[in-house]
């Protein structure tokens, strides 16, 4: 079991990148302004975060919409989406310590709760949607009269925006992007440090190490 002093040492060398994440890349806000994010348990500054405004939101949505329209994810085979999301769940588990530490620092939560609940449940949520939503839920025929066929179809709708709370940010992120991505939508969310690390896990930088979502699947 990791001791308090060991966690403290890990926190001191943790890399904190507060830049925005738009169109598959880290970048400053259009205004170049930042705001400080604090550790609620100590009141100390953790990092300076890009202070995004409507220009950044518009750019993120436009980039995500372009990626959606390209069909690289929205029209991908369900088996392909399933494989990527399962890889993402595995990467969340692989980086559990770092993600849990970020969660604890940003939310002011006990590290034991983050390691024992938040991060494992986040991975489990992504894995559930990979296993169930992608290829185990089908379209259906609705009851209708003779000579009439009524079909219920499930199709991705496009860009999905998600605003995340402070208390369970990693798990709430998984609850929102899991179902959205599994059926082919694109996700755009707003929350500082830990969410940026989640996106790094999903970047198509290295197929051997990353989940390889298309670069603009999330902004």
Protein backbone atom coordinates (compact mmCIF):
# COMPACT_ATOMS: atom_id res chain seq x y z
CA UNK A 1 0.00 0.00 0.00
CA UNK A 2 1.31 3.44 -0.96
CA UNK A 3 2.01 5.61 2.10
CA UNK A 4 1.04 9.25 2.57
CA UNK A 5 4.64 10.37 2.09
CA UNK A 6 4.91 8.36 -1.14
CA UNK A 7 1.72 9.96 -2.50
CA UNK A 8 3.08 13.37 -1.49
CA UNK A 9 6.29 12.71 -3.41
CA UNK A 10 4.32 11.60 -6.47
CA UNK A 11 2.25 14.80 -6.29
CA UNK A 12 5.37 16.97 -6.19
CA UNK A 13 6.64 15.60 -9.51
CA UNK A 14 3.26 15.36 -11.23
CA UNK A 15 3.15 17.12 -14.60
CA UNK A 16 0.24 19.58 -14.73
CA UNK A 17 -0.66 20.94 -18.17
CA UNK A 18 -3.39 23.57 -18.09
CA UNK A 19 -3.62 24.27 -21.81
CA UNK A 20 -6.88 23.72 -23.65
CA UNK A 21 -7.35 20.64 -25.81
CA UNK A 22 -8.92 21.47 -29.18
CA UNK A 23 -8.79 19.69 -32.54
CA UNK A 24 -6.57 16.96 -31.16
CA UNK A 25 -3.86 19.25 -29.79
CA UNK A 26 -3.03 21.24 -26.67
CA UNK A 27 -3.18 24.98 -27.12
CA UNK A 28 -3.61 28.23 -25.15
CA UNK A 29 -6.97 29.98 -25.03
CA UNK A 30 -7.69 32.37 -27.90
CA UNK A 31 -7.38 35.22 -25.40
CA UNK A 32 -4.12 33.83 -23.99
CA UNK A 33 -5.69 34.35 -20.57
CA UNK A 34 -5.57 31.81 -17.75
CA UNK A 35 -7.15 31.22 -14.37
CA UNK A 36 -5.81 29.37 -11.35
CA UNK A 37 -7.17 26.03 -10.24
CA UNK A 38 -6.68 25.36 -6.54
CA UNK A 39 -6.36 22.29 -4.37
CA UNK A 40 -9.52 22.56 -2.22
CA UNK A 41 -7.89 20.73 0.68
CA UNK A 42 -4.99 23.20 0.96
CA UNK A 43 -6.07 26.30 -0.94
CA UNK A 44 -2.77 26.20 -2.86
CA UNK A 45 -2.45 26.82 -6.59
CA UNK A 46 -2.18 23.65 -8.68
CA UNK A 47 -1.86 25.10 -12.16
CA UNK A 48 -2.88 27.90 -14.48
CA UNK A 49 -5.73 26.79 -16.76
CA UNK A 50 -6.51 28.18 -20.20
CA UNK A 51 -9.42 30.60 -19.78
CA UNK A 52 -11.48 29.62 -22.78
CA UNK A 53 -14.31 31.77 -24.13
CA UNK A 54 -16.86 31.54 -26.94
CA UNK A 55 -14.11 31.60 -29.58
CA UNK A 56 -12.52 28.47 -28.14
CA UNK A 57 -15.90 26.76 -27.79
CA UNK A 58 -16.80 27.59 -31.39
CA UNK A 59 -13.46 26.24 -32.61
CA UNK A 60 -13.83 23.05 -30.57
CA UNK A 61 -17.38 22.44 -31.79
CA UNK A 62 -16.44 23.17 -35.42
CA UNK A 63 -13.47 20.81 -35.27
CA UNK A 64 -15.53 18.11 -33.60
CA UNK A 65 -18.36 18.55 -36.12
CA UNK A 66 -15.90 18.23 -39.02
CA UNK A 67 -14.58 14.99 -37.52
CA UNK A 68 -18.13 13.71 -37.07
CA UNK A 69 -19.09 14.53 -40.67
CA UNK A 70 -15.96 12.81 -41.98
CA UNK A 71 -17.36 9.50 -40.74
CA UNK A 72 -14.00 8.32 -39.42
CA UNK A 73 -15.69 7.57 -36.09
CA UNK A 74 -19.43 8.01 -36.63
CA UNK A 75 -19.45 5.51 -39.51
CA UNK A 76 -16.81 3.18 -38.13
CA UNK A 77 -17.77 -0.46 -37.69
CA UNK A 78 -19.16 -1.19 -34.25
CA UNK A 79 -16.42 -3.75 -33.70
CA UNK A 80 -13.80 -1.07 -34.36
CA UNK A 81 -15.38 1.38 -31.92
CA UNK A 82 -15.66 -1.39 -29.36
CA UNK A 83 -11.96 -2.25 -29.66
CA UNK A 84 -10.91 1.39 -29.22
CA UNK A 85 -13.12 1.95 -26.17
CA UNK A 86 -11.89 -1.27 -24.56
CA UNK A 87 -8.35 -0.04 -25.12
CA UNK A 88 -9.28 3.29 -23.54
CA UNK A 89 -10.66 1.49 -20.47
CA UNK A 90 -7.42 -0.48 -20.18
CA UNK A 91 -5.36 2.72 -20.44
CA UNK A 92 -7.40 4.35 -17.67
CA UNK A 93 -6.51 1.39 -15.47
CA UNK A 94 -2.88 1.52 -16.60
CA UNK A 95 -2.65 5.20 -15.58
CA UNK A 96 -4.84 4.77 -12.49
CA UNK A 97 -2.35 6.20 -10.00
CA UNK A 98 -1.76 9.38 -11.97
CA UNK A 99 -5.46 9.89 -12.70
CA UNK A 100 -6.40 9.22 -9.08
CA UNK A 101 -3.78 11.65 -7.85
CA UNK A 102 -5.04 14.37 -10.17
CA UNK A 103 -8.58 13.66 -8.99
CA UNK A 104 -7.56 13.93 -5.34
CA UNK A 105 -5.65 17.17 -5.86
CA UNK A 106 -8.33 18.87 -7.96
CA UNK A 107 -11.38 17.75 -5.98
CA UNK A 108 -9.80 17.72 -2.52
CA UNK A 109 -10.77 14.08 -2.05
CA UNK A 110 -9.04 11.23 -0.19
CA UNK A 111 -6.67 9.41 -2.53
CA UNK A 112 -8.04 6.10 -1.21
CA UNK A 113 -11.48 6.99 -2.60
CA UNK A 114 -10.07 8.02 -5.94
CA UNK A 115 -8.01 4.83 -6.26
CA UNK A 116 -10.71 2.55 -4.86
CA UNK A 117 -13.79 4.01 -6.53
CA UNK A 118 -13.49 6.91 -8.95
CA UNK A 119 -10.90 5.63 -11.41
CA UNK A 120 -11.85 1.90 -11.38
CA UNK A 121 -15.51 2.82 -11.89
CA UNK A 122 -14.58 5.19 -14.71
CA UNK A 123 -12.79 2.38 -16.53
CA UNK A 124 -15.68 0.01 -15.82
CA UNK A 125 -18.17 2.50 -17.26
CA UNK A 126 -16.22 2.88 -20.51
CA UNK A 127 -15.85 -0.90 -20.74
CA UNK A 128 -19.58 -1.46 -20.15
CA UNK A 129 -20.53 0.86 -23.00
CA UNK A 130 -17.90 -0.72 -25.22
CA UNK A 131 -19.33 -4.17 -24.56
CA UNK A 132 -23.06 -3.38 -24.50
CA UNK A 133 -23.88 -0.21 -26.42
CA UNK A 134 -21.70 -0.77 -29.49
CA UNK A 135 -22.97 -4.13 -30.69
CA UNK A 136 -25.53 -5.63 -28.30
CA UNK A 137 -28.35 -3.12 -28.70
CA UNK A 138 -30.18 -3.30 -31.98
CA UNK A 139 -32.73 -1.31 -33.92
CA UNK A 140 -36.32 -2.58 -33.76
CA UNK A 141 -39.59 -2.86 -35.65
CA UNK A 142 -42.54 -1.15 -34.00
CA UNK A 143 -46.02 -2.76 -33.88
CA UNK A 144 -48.00 -1.61 -36.92
CA UNK A 145 -50.82 -2.64 -39.19
CA UNK A 146 -50.70 -4.83 -42.28
CA UNK A 147 -48.69 -3.37 -45.14
CA UNK A 148 -46.87 -0.92 -42.87
CA UNK A 149 -43.35 -1.19 -41.54
CA UNK A 150 -42.38 1.03 -38.63
CA UNK A 151 -38.68 1.03 -37.73
CA UNK A 152 -36.89 2.39 -34.68
CA UNK A 153 -33.28 3.20 -35.53
CA UNK A 154 -30.43 4.48 -33.38
CA UNK A 155 -28.06 6.89 -35.05
CA UNK A 156 -25.34 9.25 -33.76
CA UNK A 157 -26.58 12.83 -33.64
CA UNK A 158 -23.29 14.72 -33.81
CA UNK A 159 -21.42 16.84 -31.29
CA UNK A 160 -22.22 16.26 -27.61
CA UNK A 161 -21.25 18.91 -25.05
CA UNK A 162 -20.67 17.91 -21.43
CA UNK A 163 -20.11 20.12 -18.39
CA UNK A 164 -18.65 18.18 -15.49
CA UNK A 165 -19.05 18.63 -11.72
CA UNK A 166 -16.20 18.95 -9.26
CA UNK A 167 -16.98 16.05 -6.90
CA UNK A 168 -16.70 13.04 -9.24
CA UNK A 169 -15.17 14.57 -12.38
CA UNK A 170 -13.53 11.43 -13.78
CA UNK A 171 -16.56 9.21 -13.24
CA UNK A 172 -18.97 11.84 -14.56
CA UNK A 173 -16.76 12.18 -17.65
CA UNK A 174 -16.99 8.43 -18.22
CA UNK A 175 -20.77 8.48 -17.72
CA UNK A 176 -21.08 11.10 -20.47
CA UNK A 177 -18.46 10.16 -23.06
CA UNK A 178 -19.02 6.39 -22.71
CA UNK A 179 -22.51 6.33 -24.24
CA UNK A 180 -21.77 9.25 -26.59
CA UNK A 181 -18.65 7.76 -28.15
CA UNK A 182 -19.91 4.17 -28.21
CA UNK A 183 -22.68 5.03 -30.68
CA UNK A 184 -20.52 7.25 -32.86
CA UNK A 185 -21.00 10.76 -31.48
CA UNK A 186 -18.27 13.28 -30.73
CA UNK A 187 -17.75 14.64 -27.22
CA UNK A 188 -16.74 18.10 -26.02
CA UNK A 189 -16.34 18.71 -22.28
CA UNK A 190 -15.24 21.40 -19.86
CA UNK A 191 -13.18 20.58 -16.74
CA UNK A 192 -9.50 21.19 -16.00
CA UNK A 193 -6.56 18.89 -15.38
CA UNK A 194 -7.82 15.33 -15.06
CA UNK A 195 -9.94 15.57 -18.21
CA UNK A 196 -6.91 16.66 -20.19
CA UNK A 197 -5.10 13.54 -18.99
CA UNK A 198 -8.04 11.35 -20.04
CA UNK A 199 -7.84 12.84 -23.51
CA UNK A 200 -4.12 12.12 -23.64
CA UNK A 201 -4.98 8.45 -23.09
CA UNK A 202 -7.28 8.62 -26.10
CA UNK A 203 -4.96 10.44 -28.50
CA UNK A 204 -3.80 8.62 -31.65
CA UNK A 205 -0.15 9.46 -30.94
CA UNK A 206 1.09 5.89 -30.62
CA UNK A 207 -1.11 2.89 -31.48
CA UNK A 208 0.87 0.73 -29.07
CA UNK A 209 0.25 3.03 -26.11
CA UNK A 210 -2.84 5.10 -26.87
CA UNK A 211 -6.49 4.24 -27.41
CA UNK A 212 -6.37 5.87 -30.86
CA UNK A 213 -9.64 7.75 -30.96
CA UNK A 214 -9.63 10.08 -33.99
CA UNK A 215 -7.81 13.27 -33.05
CA UNK A 216 -10.96 15.41 -33.00
CA UNK A 217 -13.26 12.88 -31.34
CA UNK A 218 -13.00 14.93 -28.15
CA UNK A 219 -12.17 18.62 -27.68
